[in-house]
Amino acid sequence: MRQEETLGERYAQALVEAAREARAEKLIAEDLAFLEDLFRSVPELLPFLAHPRVEPKMKEKILEDVGKVLHPYTRNLLRLLVRHGRAALLPRLSSAYFQALEKAGGPMHVVVRTARPLSPEIQDKLRARLVEALGREVVLREEAAPELLAGLELMISGRRLDASLRGRLQRLGRALGG
């Protein structure tokens, strides 16, 4: 498992370097978020792309359709990973890219999990508070998490900050000895 993580980090670092040269960091970040959402909403896609017995032509057709909306660097990396039997690295690529981008001085990638979607005004206020607290640009990515009941969870650089009702109830339960 660690070897796959290291390999994913290498691909992500190479993608960051290419993106910085082309000044396309944000576009590629959006591509990776799109792919992450796609793999989550179509769970059969990744096993299909990774399966050794699926004909490469079938995989190429899928990649051609998906690749139409992607930056050429993202599209080429996607093809490369699938052609070389490394599609299993794709789920890790997004977080590895954002970590590499952060290390290179890019914006902080913050995942916001909420029970209900945030309004654009609340997103702007949250982003401004995070920029103030972190001292650098912030890119927000919102995820639906109805199990939180209310409030939100933030994932920042691998750390989870829980300000949800579910989290508060769990902490209260532990404090009461339950």
N, C-alpha and C. Protein backbone atom coordinates (compact mmCIF):
# COMPACT_ATOMS: atom_id res chain seq x y z
N MET A 1 0.82 -1.19 0.00
CA MET A 1 0.00 0.00 0.00
C MET A 1 0.87 1.26 0.00
N ARG A 2 1.91 1.30 0.80
CA ARG A 2 2.78 2.47 0.87
C ARG A 2 3.45 2.74 -0.47
N GLN A 3 3.80 1.68 -1.22
CA GLN A 3 4.43 1.86 -2.52
C GLN A 3 3.47 2.57 -3.48
N GLU A 4 2.17 2.20 -3.44
CA GLU A 4 1.17 2.86 -4.27
C GLU A 4 1.03 4.33 -3.89
N GLU A 5 1.05 4.62 -2.59
CA GLU A 5 0.95 6.00 -2.14
C GLU A 5 2.13 6.81 -2.65
N THR A 6 3.34 6.26 -2.53
CA THR A 6 4.54 6.95 -2.99
C THR A 6 4.48 7.18 -4.49
N LEU A 7 4.03 6.19 -5.23
CA LEU A 7 3.92 6.32 -6.68
C LEU A 7 2.87 7.38 -7.03
N GLY A 8 1.75 7.37 -6.33
CA GLY A 8 0.72 8.38 -6.54
C GLY A 8 1.24 9.77 -6.23
N GLU A 9 2.06 9.89 -5.19
CA GLU A 9 2.64 11.18 -4.84
C GLU A 9 3.61 11.66 -5.92
N ARG A 10 4.35 10.73 -6.53
CA ARG A 10 5.27 11.11 -7.61
C ARG A 10 4.51 11.64 -8.82
N TYR A 11 3.45 10.92 -9.19
CA TYR A 11 2.63 11.39 -10.31
C TYR A 11 2.03 12.76 -9.98
N ALA A 12 1.55 12.92 -8.77
CA ALA A 12 0.94 14.19 -8.36
C ALA A 12 1.97 15.31 -8.40
N GLN A 13 3.18 15.05 -7.93
CA GLN A 13 4.24 16.06 -7.95
C GLN A 13 4.57 16.47 -9.38
N ALA A 14 4.66 15.49 -10.27
CA ALA A 14 4.93 15.80 -11.68
C ALA A 14 3.80 16.63 -12.28
N LEU A 15 2.57 16.30 -11.91
CA LEU A 15 1.42 17.05 -12.41
C LEU A 15 1.43 18.49 -11.88
N VAL A 16 1.80 18.67 -10.62
CA VAL A 16 1.90 20.02 -10.05
C VAL A 16 2.95 20.82 -10.80
N GLU A 17 4.10 20.23 -11.05
CA GLU A 17 5.18 20.95 -11.74
C GLU A 17 4.75 21.36 -13.15
N ALA A 18 4.10 20.44 -13.87
CA ALA A 18 3.62 20.76 -15.21
C ALA A 18 2.53 21.83 -15.15
N ALA A 19 1.64 21.71 -14.19
CA ALA A 19 0.55 22.68 -14.05
C ALA A 19 1.08 24.07 -13.72
N ARG A 20 2.09 24.14 -12.87
CA ARG A 20 2.66 25.45 -12.51
C ARG A 20 3.32 26.11 -13.72
N GLU A 21 4.03 25.31 -14.52
CA GLU A 21 4.66 25.86 -15.72
C GLU A 21 3.61 26.43 -16.68
N ALA A 22 2.48 25.73 -16.79
CA ALA A 22 1.42 26.15 -17.71
C ALA A 22 0.44 27.11 -17.04
N ARG A 23 0.68 27.42 -15.76
CA ARG A 23 -0.24 28.26 -14.99
C ARG A 23 -1.67 27.71 -15.03
N ALA A 24 -1.75 26.39 -14.84
CA ALA A 24 -3.05 25.71 -14.93
C ALA A 24 -3.38 24.96 -13.64
N GLU A 25 -2.79 25.39 -12.52
CA GLU A 25 -3.00 24.68 -11.26
C GLU A 25 -4.48 24.58 -10.91
N LYS A 26 -5.20 25.68 -11.07
CA LYS A 26 -6.61 25.71 -10.68
C LYS A 26 -7.45 24.81 -11.60
N LEU A 27 -7.19 24.89 -12.91
CA LEU A 27 -7.94 24.04 -13.86
C LEU A 27 -7.74 22.56 -13.57
N ILE A 28 -6.50 22.19 -13.29
CA ILE A 28 -6.22 20.78 -13.02
C ILE A 28 -6.81 20.37 -11.68
N ALA A 29 -6.80 21.27 -10.71
CA ALA A 29 -7.45 20.98 -9.43
C ALA A 29 -8.94 20.72 -9.64
N GLU A 30 -9.56 21.53 -10.48
CA GLU A 30 -10.98 21.33 -10.78
C GLU A 30 -11.20 20.00 -11.49
N ASP A 31 -10.29 19.64 -12.40
CA ASP A 31 -10.38 18.34 -13.08
C ASP A 31 -10.33 17.19 -12.09
N LEU A 32 -9.39 17.27 -11.17
CA LEU A 32 -9.22 16.19 -10.20
C LEU A 32 -10.43 16.08 -9.27
N ALA A 33 -10.99 17.21 -8.89
CA ALA A 33 -12.21 17.19 -8.08
C ALA A 33 -13.36 16.58 -8.88
N PHE A 34 -13.43 16.92 -10.17
CA PHE A 34 -14.45 16.34 -11.05
C PHE A 34 -14.29 14.82 -11.13
N LEU A 35 -13.05 14.35 -11.31
CA LEU A 35 -12.81 12.91 -11.40
C LEU A 35 -13.16 12.21 -10.08
N GLU A 36 -12.81 12.84 -8.99
CA GLU A 36 -13.13 12.28 -7.68
C GLU A 36 -14.65 12.12 -7.53
N ASP A 37 -15.39 13.15 -7.91
CA ASP A 37 -16.85 13.08 -7.86
C ASP A 37 -17.38 12.02 -8.81
N LEU A 38 -16.78 11.93 -9.99
CA LEU A 38 -17.21 10.94 -10.98
C LEU A 38 -17.01 9.52 -10.45
N PHE A 39 -15.85 9.25 -9.86
CA PHE A 39 -15.59 7.91 -9.32
C PHE A 39 -16.51 7.59 -8.15
N ARG A 40 -16.88 8.62 -7.40
CA ARG A 40 -17.79 8.42 -6.27
C ARG A 40 -19.22 8.16 -6.77
N SER A 41 -19.64 8.89 -7.80
CA SER A 41 -21.02 8.75 -8.29
C SER A 41 -21.20 7.55 -9.22
N VAL A 42 -20.12 7.09 -9.85
CA VAL A 42 -20.17 5.91 -10.71
C VAL A 42 -19.12 4.92 -10.18
N PRO A 43 -19.46 4.19 -9.10
CA PRO A 43 -18.46 3.34 -8.45
C PRO A 43 -17.93 2.21 -9.34
N GLU A 44 -18.63 1.88 -10.41
CA GLU A 44 -18.19 0.81 -11.31
C GLU A 44 -17.06 1.27 -12.24
N LEU A 45 -16.89 2.58 -12.40
CA LEU A 45 -15.94 3.10 -13.37
C LEU A 45 -14.50 2.73 -13.06
N LEU A 46 -14.06 2.94 -11.84
CA LEU A 46 -12.67 2.66 -11.49
C LEU A 46 -12.33 1.17 -11.63
N PRO A 47 -13.15 0.25 -11.10
CA PRO A 47 -12.83 -1.16 -11.32
C PRO A 47 -12.81 -1.54 -12.81
N PHE A 48 -13.67 -0.90 -13.60
CA PHE A 48 -13.68 -1.14 -15.04
C PHE A 48 -12.35 -0.71 -15.65
N LEU A 49 -11.89 0.49 -15.31
CA LEU A 49 -10.63 1.00 -15.86
C LEU A 49 -9.42 0.21 -15.38
N ALA A 50 -9.52 -0.34 -14.19
CA ALA A 50 -8.39 -1.07 -13.61
C ALA A 50 -8.37 -2.55 -13.97
N HIS A 51 -9.47 -3.07 -14.47
CA HIS A 51 -9.57 -4.51 -14.73
C HIS A 51 -8.67 -4.92 -15.89
N PRO A 52 -7.81 -5.92 -15.67
CA PRO A 52 -6.85 -6.32 -16.71
C PRO A 52 -7.50 -7.02 -17.91
N ARG A 53 -8.70 -7.56 -17.74
CA ARG A 53 -9.33 -8.29 -18.85
C ARG A 53 -10.23 -7.42 -19.72
N VAL A 54 -10.45 -6.20 -19.33
CA VAL A 54 -11.24 -5.29 -20.16
C VAL A 54 -10.33 -4.82 -21.30
N GLU A 55 -10.86 -4.91 -22.51
CA GLU A 55 -10.07 -4.52 -23.69
C GLU A 55 -9.64 -3.06 -23.61
N PRO A 56 -8.38 -2.79 -23.94
CA PRO A 56 -7.90 -1.40 -23.91
C PRO A 56 -8.74 -0.46 -24.78
N LYS A 57 -9.27 -0.95 -25.90
CA LYS A 57 -10.09 -0.10 -26.77
C LYS A 57 -11.35 0.37 -26.04
N MET A 58 -11.93 -0.48 -25.21
CA MET A 58 -13.12 -0.09 -24.45
C MET A 58 -12.76 0.98 -23.42
N LYS A 59 -11.62 0.78 -22.78
CA LYS A 59 -11.16 1.77 -21.80
C LYS A 59 -10.88 3.10 -22.49
N GLU A 60 -10.23 3.04 -23.65
CA GLU A 60 -9.91 4.26 -24.39
C GLU A 60 -11.17 5.02 -24.78
N LYS A 61 -12.22 4.31 -25.14
CA LYS A 61 -13.48 4.97 -25.51
C LYS A 61 -14.05 5.73 -24.32
N ILE A 62 -14.04 5.11 -23.15
CA ILE A 62 -14.51 5.77 -21.93
C ILE A 62 -13.65 6.99 -21.63
N LEU A 63 -12.33 6.81 -21.72
CA LEU A 63 -11.41 7.92 -21.43
C LEU A 63 -11.60 9.06 -22.43
N GLU A 64 -11.89 8.73 -23.67
CA GLU A 64 -12.13 9.75 -24.68
C GLU A 64 -13.34 10.60 -24.31
N ASP A 65 -14.41 9.93 -23.86
CA ASP A 65 -15.62 10.64 -23.47
C ASP A 65 -15.39 11.51 -22.23
N VAL A 66 -14.73 10.95 -21.23
CA VAL A 66 -14.45 11.70 -19.99
C VAL A 66 -13.45 12.81 -20.27
N GLY A 67 -12.46 12.52 -21.08
CA GLY A 67 -11.37 13.45 -21.34
C GLY A 67 -11.76 14.71 -22.08
N LYS A 68 -12.92 14.73 -22.70
CA LYS A 68 -13.35 15.92 -23.45
C LYS A 68 -13.46 17.16 -22.57
N VAL A 69 -13.73 16.97 -21.29
CA VAL A 69 -13.92 18.11 -20.39
C VAL A 69 -12.67 18.39 -19.54
N LEU A 70 -11.61 17.66 -19.74
CA LEU A 70 -10.42 17.79 -18.91
C LEU A 70 -9.31 18.58 -19.59
N HIS A 71 -8.47 19.22 -18.78
CA HIS A 71 -7.27 19.87 -19.27
C HIS A 71 -6.39 18.79 -19.92
N PRO A 72 -5.66 19.13 -20.97
CA PRO A 72 -4.82 18.11 -21.64
C PRO A 72 -3.86 17.39 -20.69
N TYR A 73 -3.29 18.07 -19.70
CA TYR A 73 -2.37 17.40 -18.77
C TYR A 73 -3.10 16.35 -17.94
N THR A 74 -4.30 16.68 -17.48
CA THR A 74 -5.08 15.73 -16.69
C THR A 74 -5.48 14.54 -17.56
N ARG A 75 -5.95 14.86 -18.76
CA ARG A 75 -6.37 13.81 -19.70
C ARG A 75 -5.21 12.86 -20.01
N ASN A 76 -4.02 13.42 -20.27
CA ASN A 76 -2.86 12.58 -20.60
C ASN A 76 -2.43 11.71 -19.42
N LEU A 77 -2.46 12.27 -18.23
CA LEU A 77 -2.10 11.48 -17.05
C LEU A 77 -3.11 10.36 -16.83
N LEU A 78 -4.38 10.66 -17.01
CA LEU A 78 -5.43 9.64 -16.87
C LEU A 78 -5.18 8.49 -17.85
N ARG A 79 -4.92 8.83 -19.10
CA ARG A 79 -4.62 7.80 -20.11
C ARG A 79 -3.38 6.99 -19.74
N LEU A 80 -2.34 7.68 -19.31
CA LEU A 80 -1.08 7.02 -18.95
C LEU A 80 -1.30 6.01 -17.82
N LEU A 81 -2.00 6.42 -16.78
CA LEU A 81 -2.23 5.53 -15.65
C LEU A 81 -3.05 4.31 -16.05
N VAL A 82 -4.07 4.52 -16.87
CA VAL A 82 -4.91 3.40 -17.29
C VAL A 82 -4.14 2.47 -18.22
N ARG A 83 -3.41 3.02 -19.17
CA ARG A 83 -2.64 2.19 -20.12
C ARG A 83 -1.58 1.34 -19.42
N HIS A 84 -1.01 1.86 -18.34
CA HIS A 84 0.05 1.14 -17.64
C HIS A 84 -0.45 0.34 -16.45
N GLY A 85 -1.76 0.13 -16.39
CA GLY A 85 -2.32 -0.70 -15.32
C GLY A 85 -2.25 -0.06 -13.95
N ARG A 86 -2.25 1.25 -13.90
CA ARG A 86 -2.14 1.95 -12.62
C ARG A 86 -3.38 2.78 -12.30
N ALA A 87 -4.52 2.37 -12.80
CA ALA A 87 -5.77 3.10 -12.55
C ALA A 87 -6.11 3.12 -11.06
N ALA A 88 -5.62 2.15 -10.31
CA ALA A 88 -5.88 2.11 -8.86
C ALA A 88 -5.30 3.32 -8.14
N LEU A 89 -4.37 4.03 -8.77
CA LEU A 89 -3.79 5.22 -8.16
C LEU A 89 -4.70 6.44 -8.27
N LEU A 90 -5.68 6.38 -9.14
CA LEU A 90 -6.52 7.55 -9.41
C LEU A 90 -7.22 8.13 -8.17
N PRO A 91 -7.80 7.32 -7.28
CA PRO A 91 -8.47 7.92 -6.12
C PRO A 91 -7.53 8.70 -5.22
N ARG A 92 -6.30 8.31 -5.12
CA ARG A 92 -5.31 8.98 -4.26
C ARG A 92 -4.72 10.23 -4.92
N LEU A 93 -4.83 10.31 -6.24
CA LEU A 93 -4.17 11.36 -6.99
C LEU A 93 -4.64 12.76 -6.58
N SER A 94 -5.92 12.94 -6.37
CA SER A 94 -6.47 14.25 -6.03
C SER A 94 -5.87 14.79 -4.73
N SER A 95 -5.93 14.00 -3.66
CA SER A 95 -5.39 14.49 -2.39
C SER A 95 -3.87 14.67 -2.46
N ALA A 96 -3.19 13.78 -3.18
CA ALA A 96 -1.73 13.92 -3.33
C ALA A 96 -1.39 15.19 -4.12
N TYR A 97 -2.19 15.51 -5.12
CA TYR A 97 -1.97 16.73 -5.91
C TYR A 97 -2.11 17.96 -5.02
N PHE A 98 -3.20 17.99 -4.22
CA PHE A 98 -3.41 19.16 -3.36
C PHE A 98 -2.32 19.28 -2.30
N GLN A 99 -1.85 18.16 -1.77
CA GLN A 99 -0.77 18.22 -0.79
C GLN A 99 0.50 18.75 -1.43
N ALA A 100 0.81 18.27 -2.64
CA ALA A 100 2.01 18.74 -3.35
C ALA A 100 1.88 20.22 -3.69
N LEU A 101 0.69 20.63 -4.09
CA LEU A 101 0.46 22.03 -4.42
C LEU A 101 0.61 22.92 -3.19
N GLU A 102 0.11 22.46 -2.05
CA GLU A 102 0.26 23.20 -0.80
C GLU A 102 1.73 23.33 -0.42
N LYS A 103 2.49 22.23 -0.54
CA LYS A 103 3.92 22.26 -0.20
C LYS A 103 4.68 23.23 -1.10
N ALA A 104 4.21 23.37 -2.34
CA ALA A 104 4.88 24.26 -3.29
C ALA A 104 4.42 25.71 -3.12
N GLY A 105 3.64 25.98 -2.06
CA GLY A 105 3.20 27.35 -1.79
C GLY A 105 1.88 27.71 -2.43
N GLY A 106 1.19 26.73 -2.98
CA GLY A 106 -0.12 26.98 -3.59
C GLY A 106 -1.19 27.12 -2.53
N PRO A 107 -2.43 27.25 -2.97
CA PRO A 107 -3.53 27.43 -2.02
C PRO A 107 -3.78 26.19 -1.17
N MET A 108 -4.35 26.40 0.00
CA MET A 108 -4.76 25.30 0.87
C MET A 108 -6.06 24.73 0.32
N HIS A 109 -6.14 23.43 0.24
CA HIS A 109 -7.35 22.77 -0.22
C HIS A 109 -8.13 22.34 1.02
N VAL A 110 -9.34 22.85 1.15
CA VAL A 110 -10.16 22.56 2.32
C VAL A 110 -11.45 21.89 1.85
N VAL A 111 -11.72 20.72 2.40
CA VAL A 111 -12.97 20.02 2.12
C VAL A 111 -13.95 20.39 3.23
N VAL A 112 -15.11 20.87 2.82
CA VAL A 112 -16.17 21.26 3.76
C VAL A 112 -17.30 20.25 3.60
N ARG A 113 -17.57 19.50 4.66
CA ARG A 113 -18.68 18.55 4.65
C ARG A 113 -19.83 19.16 5.44
N THR A 114 -21.01 19.23 4.80
CA THR A 114 -22.17 19.84 5.44
C THR A 114 -23.40 18.97 5.24
N ALA A 115 -24.35 19.11 6.18
CA ALA A 115 -25.61 18.38 6.07
C ALA A 115 -26.43 18.91 4.91
N ARG A 116 -26.39 20.21 4.70
CA ARG A 116 -27.11 20.86 3.60
C ARG A 116 -26.13 21.78 2.87
N PRO A 117 -26.36 21.98 1.58
CA PRO A 117 -25.44 22.86 0.82
C PRO A 117 -25.35 24.26 1.42
N LEU A 118 -24.15 24.81 1.37
CA LEU A 118 -23.93 26.19 1.85
C LEU A 118 -24.30 27.17 0.75
N SER A 119 -24.86 28.29 1.14
CA SER A 119 -25.17 29.34 0.17
C SER A 119 -23.85 29.97 -0.28
N PRO A 120 -23.84 30.59 -1.45
CA PRO A 120 -22.61 31.27 -1.90
C PRO A 120 -22.10 32.30 -0.89
N GLU A 121 -23.02 33.00 -0.21
CA GLU A 121 -22.60 34.00 0.77
C GLU A 121 -21.87 33.35 1.94
N ILE A 122 -22.41 32.23 2.43
CA ILE A 122 -21.77 31.52 3.55
C ILE A 122 -20.43 30.95 3.10
N GLN A 123 -20.36 30.43 1.88
CA GLN A 123 -19.08 29.92 1.35
C GLN A 123 -18.03 31.04 1.34
N ASP A 124 -18.44 32.22 0.87
CA ASP A 124 -17.50 33.36 0.82
C ASP A 124 -17.04 33.76 2.21
N LYS A 125 -17.96 33.81 3.17
CA LYS A 125 -17.59 34.16 4.55
C LYS A 125 -16.65 33.11 5.14
N LEU A 126 -16.95 31.83 4.91
CA LEU A 126 -16.10 30.74 5.42
C LEU A 126 -14.71 30.83 4.80
N ARG A 127 -14.66 31.04 3.48
CA ARG A 127 -13.37 31.15 2.79
C ARG A 127 -12.56 32.32 3.37
N ALA A 128 -13.22 33.47 3.58
CA ALA A 128 -12.52 34.64 4.12
C ALA A 128 -11.97 34.36 5.51
N ARG A 129 -12.75 33.68 6.36
CA ARG A 129 -12.29 33.35 7.71
C ARG A 129 -11.11 32.39 7.66
N LEU A 130 -11.17 31.42 6.75
CA LEU A 130 -10.08 30.46 6.61
C LEU A 130 -8.82 31.13 6.08
N VAL A 131 -8.95 32.03 5.13
CA VAL A 131 -7.80 32.77 4.61
C VAL A 131 -7.15 33.56 5.74
N GLU A 132 -7.98 34.18 6.56
CA GLU A 132 -7.48 34.96 7.70
C GLU A 132 -6.76 34.05 8.69
N ALA A 133 -7.35 32.89 9.00
CA ALA A 133 -6.77 31.98 9.99
C ALA A 133 -5.52 31.27 9.47
N LEU A 134 -5.52 30.90 8.19
CA LEU A 134 -4.41 30.12 7.64
C LEU A 134 -3.32 30.98 7.01
N GLY A 135 -3.66 32.23 6.69
CA GLY A 135 -2.67 33.13 6.14
C GLY A 135 -2.30 32.84 4.69
N ARG A 136 -3.17 32.17 3.97
CA ARG A 136 -2.93 31.92 2.55
C ARG A 136 -4.23 31.64 1.83
N GLU A 137 -4.16 31.64 0.50
CA GLU A 137 -5.35 31.41 -0.31
C GLU A 137 -5.95 30.04 0.01
N VAL A 138 -7.27 29.95 -0.10
CA VAL A 138 -7.98 28.71 0.22
C VAL A 138 -8.91 28.34 -0.94
N VAL A 139 -8.91 27.07 -1.29
CA VAL A 139 -9.85 26.53 -2.26
C VAL A 139 -10.80 25.62 -1.49
N LEU A 140 -12.09 25.95 -1.54
CA LEU A 140 -13.10 25.14 -0.84
C LEU A 140 -13.69 24.11 -1.77
N ARG A 141 -13.91 22.91 -1.23
CA ARG A 141 -14.62 21.87 -1.96
C ARG A 141 -15.69 21.35 -1.03
N GLU A 142 -16.93 21.48 -1.43
CA GLU A 142 -18.05 21.11 -0.57
C GLU A 142 -18.50 19.69 -0.87
N GLU A 143 -18.79 18.94 0.19
CA GLU A 143 -19.33 17.58 0.07
C GLU A 143 -20.59 17.48 0.91
N ALA A 144 -21.59 16.80 0.38
CA ALA A 144 -22.83 16.57 1.12
C ALA A 144 -22.61 15.45 2.13
N ALA A 145 -23.04 15.68 3.36
CA ALA A 145 -22.91 14.69 4.44
C ALA A 145 -24.12 14.81 5.36
N PRO A 146 -25.28 14.30 4.92
CA PRO A 146 -26.50 14.45 5.73
C PRO A 146 -26.40 13.83 7.11
N GLU A 147 -25.50 12.88 7.29
CA GLU A 147 -25.33 12.24 8.60
C GLU A 147 -24.81 13.20 9.66
N LEU A 148 -24.31 14.37 9.26
CA LEU A 148 -23.81 15.35 10.23
C LEU A 148 -24.95 16.04 10.97
N LEU A 149 -26.15 15.96 10.44
CA LEU A 149 -27.37 16.55 11.01
C LEU A 149 -27.40 18.07 10.85
N ALA A 150 -26.39 18.76 11.32
CA ALA A 150 -26.27 20.21 11.19
C ALA A 150 -24.81 20.57 11.42
N GLY A 151 -24.45 21.80 11.10
CA GLY A 151 -23.06 22.21 11.27
C GLY A 151 -22.20 21.76 10.11
N LEU A 152 -20.89 21.62 10.37
CA LEU A 152 -19.98 21.22 9.30
C LEU A 152 -18.74 20.54 9.85
N GLU A 153 -18.03 19.88 8.93
CA GLU A 153 -16.71 19.31 9.20
C GLU A 153 -15.76 19.90 8.19
N LEU A 154 -14.56 20.25 8.64
CA LEU A 154 -13.53 20.75 7.74
C LEU A 154 -12.38 19.75 7.71
N MET A 155 -11.87 19.49 6.52
CA MET A 155 -10.66 18.69 6.36
C MET A 155 -9.60 19.63 5.79
N ILE A 156 -8.56 19.88 6.61
CA ILE A 156 -7.49 20.79 6.22
C ILE A 156 -6.17 20.07 6.41
N SER A 157 -5.45 19.87 5.32
CA SER A 157 -4.13 19.21 5.38
C SER A 157 -4.18 17.90 6.17
N GLY A 158 -5.20 17.11 5.92
CA GLY A 158 -5.31 15.81 6.57
C GLY A 158 -5.87 15.85 7.98
N ARG A 159 -6.19 17.02 8.48
CA ARG A 159 -6.76 17.16 9.83
C ARG A 159 -8.25 17.43 9.72
N ARG A 160 -9.00 16.81 10.63
CA ARG A 160 -10.46 16.97 10.64
C ARG A 160 -10.88 17.84 11.80
N LEU A 161 -11.63 18.90 11.49
CA LEU A 161 -12.20 19.76 12.52
C LEU A 161 -13.71 19.56 12.47
N ASP A 162 -14.27 19.05 13.54
CA ASP A 162 -15.68 18.69 13.57
C ASP A 162 -16.49 19.71 14.34
N ALA A 163 -17.33 20.46 13.63
CA ALA A 163 -18.23 21.43 14.26
C ALA A 163 -19.66 21.07 13.89
N SER A 164 -19.93 19.75 13.84
CA SER A 164 -21.25 19.27 13.46
C SER A 164 -22.06 18.90 14.70
N LEU A 165 -23.35 18.84 14.53
CA LEU A 165 -24.23 18.41 15.62
C LEU A 165 -23.94 16.97 16.00
N ARG A 166 -23.71 16.12 15.00
CA ARG A 166 -23.38 14.73 15.28
C ARG A 166 -22.12 14.64 16.14
N GLY A 167 -21.10 15.42 15.80
CA GLY A 167 -19.86 15.42 16.56
C GLY A 167 -20.06 15.89 17.99
N ARG A 168 -20.87 16.93 18.15
CA ARG A 168 -21.16 17.44 19.49
C ARG A 168 -21.89 16.39 20.32
N LEU A 169 -22.86 15.71 19.71
CA LEU A 169 -23.60 14.66 20.43
C LEU A 169 -22.67 13.51 20.82
N GLN A 170 -21.77 13.14 19.93
CA GLN A 170 -20.81 12.07 20.24
C GLN A 170 -19.89 12.47 21.39
N ARG A 171 -19.41 13.71 21.37
CA ARG A 171 -18.53 14.18 22.46
C ARG A 171 -19.29 14.23 23.78
N LEU A 172 -20.54 14.66 23.74
CA LEU A 172 -21.37 14.70 24.94
C LEU A 172 -21.58 13.28 25.48
N GLY A 173 -21.85 12.34 24.59
CA GLY A 173 -22.02 10.95 25.00
C GLY A 173 -20.79 10.39 25.67
N ARG A 174 -19.60 10.70 25.12
CA ARG A 174 -18.35 10.23 25.73
C ARG A 174 -18.13 10.89 27.07
N ALA A 175 -18.45 12.17 27.18
CA ALA A 175 -18.27 12.89 28.45
C ALA A 175 -19.19 12.34 29.55
N LEU A 176 -20.35 11.86 29.14
CA LEU A 176 -21.28 11.30 30.10
C LEU A 176 -21.00 9.84 30.41
N GLY A 177 -19.96 9.32 29.77
CA GLY A 177 -19.55 7.94 30.05
C GLY A 177 -20.25 6.91 29.19
N GLY A 178 -20.85 7.32 28.09
CA GLY A 178 -21.58 6.39 27.24
C GLY A 178 -20.89 6.17 26.00
